[in-house]
């Protein structure tokens, strides 16, 4: 089980190589191929951890990878 999880993390890290370590909502939407509405819903439900800076949300690439691993 742990080996499978580590393999998944390695795959996702290579997928998101071109993205910075911290992204905003538009980048999250692009990374996950989801709508802006869905991105905000996932954040509001607490399924992806984020930091709010002023009015903007910032999401770490690590949290996006954790979200994807937990979905599989």
Protein backbone atom coordinates (compact mmCIF):
# COMPACT_ATOMS: atom_id res chain seq x y z
CA UNK A 1 0.00 0.00 0.00
CA UNK A 2 2.79 2.44 0.90
CA UNK A 3 4.75 1.56 -2.26
CA UNK A 4 1.68 2.30 -4.37
CA UNK A 5 1.20 5.65 -2.64
CA UNK A 6 4.87 6.61 -3.13
CA UNK A 7 4.64 5.67 -6.81
CA UNK A 8 1.53 7.85 -7.19
CA UNK A 9 3.27 10.80 -5.57
CA UNK A 10 6.26 10.41 -7.91
CA UNK A 11 3.96 10.34 -10.94
CA UNK A 12 2.04 13.44 -9.85
CA UNK A 13 5.24 15.36 -9.07
CA UNK A 14 6.49 14.72 -12.58
CA UNK A 15 3.11 15.80 -14.00
CA UNK A 16 3.23 19.18 -12.27
CA UNK A 17 6.91 19.95 -12.85
CA UNK A 18 6.15 23.10 -14.85
CA UNK A 19 4.05 24.62 -12.05
CA UNK A 20 5.42 26.61 -9.09
CA UNK A 21 5.28 25.16 -5.57
CA UNK A 22 2.36 27.45 -4.68
CA UNK A 23 -0.45 28.11 -7.15
CA UNK A 24 -3.61 30.18 -7.37
CA UNK A 25 -7.15 29.15 -8.36
CA UNK A 26 -6.66 29.48 -12.15
CA UNK A 27 -3.55 27.27 -12.00
CA UNK A 28 -5.39 24.75 -9.79
CA UNK A 29 -8.17 24.60 -12.38
CA UNK A 30 -5.64 24.01 -15.13
CA UNK A 31 -3.76 21.35 -13.16
CA UNK A 32 -6.89 19.36 -12.33
CA UNK A 33 -8.83 20.26 -15.48
CA UNK A 34 -11.78 21.50 -13.42
CA UNK A 35 -13.96 24.60 -13.47
CA UNK A 36 -13.46 27.56 -11.18
CA UNK A 37 -16.74 26.69 -9.45
CA UNK A 38 -15.52 23.14 -8.74
CA UNK A 39 -12.18 24.44 -7.44
CA UNK A 40 -13.91 26.72 -4.93
CA UNK A 41 -16.27 23.92 -3.90
CA UNK A 42 -13.35 21.54 -3.23
CA UNK A 43 -11.64 24.23 -1.15
CA UNK A 44 -14.83 25.13 0.75
CA UNK A 45 -15.40 21.44 1.56
CA UNK A 46 -11.85 21.25 2.96
CA UNK A 47 -10.79 18.54 0.50
CA UNK A 48 -7.73 20.61 -0.50
CA UNK A 49 -5.87 22.65 2.09
CA UNK A 50 -5.13 26.23 1.18
CA UNK A 51 -4.00 29.54 2.56
CA UNK A 52 -5.99 32.71 2.02
CA UNK A 53 -3.86 35.79 1.41
CA UNK A 54 -6.12 38.81 1.36
CA UNK A 55 -8.86 37.82 -1.08
CA UNK A 56 -6.74 35.27 -2.94
CA UNK A 57 -6.33 31.58 -2.25
CA UNK A 58 -2.91 29.93 -2.46
CA UNK A 59 -2.61 26.18 -2.73
CA UNK A 60 0.62 24.23 -2.40
CA UNK A 61 1.51 21.67 -5.03
CA UNK A 62 1.99 19.14 -2.21
CA UNK A 63 -1.64 19.61 -1.11
CA UNK A 64 -2.85 19.11 -4.68
CA UNK A 65 -0.85 15.89 -4.93
CA UNK A 66 -2.26 14.70 -1.58
CA UNK A 67 -5.77 15.43 -2.86
CA UNK A 68 -5.15 13.38 -5.99
CA UNK A 69 -3.62 10.47 -4.10
CA UNK A 70 -6.59 10.40 -1.72
CA UNK A 71 -9.01 10.35 -4.66
CA UNK A 72 -7.56 7.13 -6.07
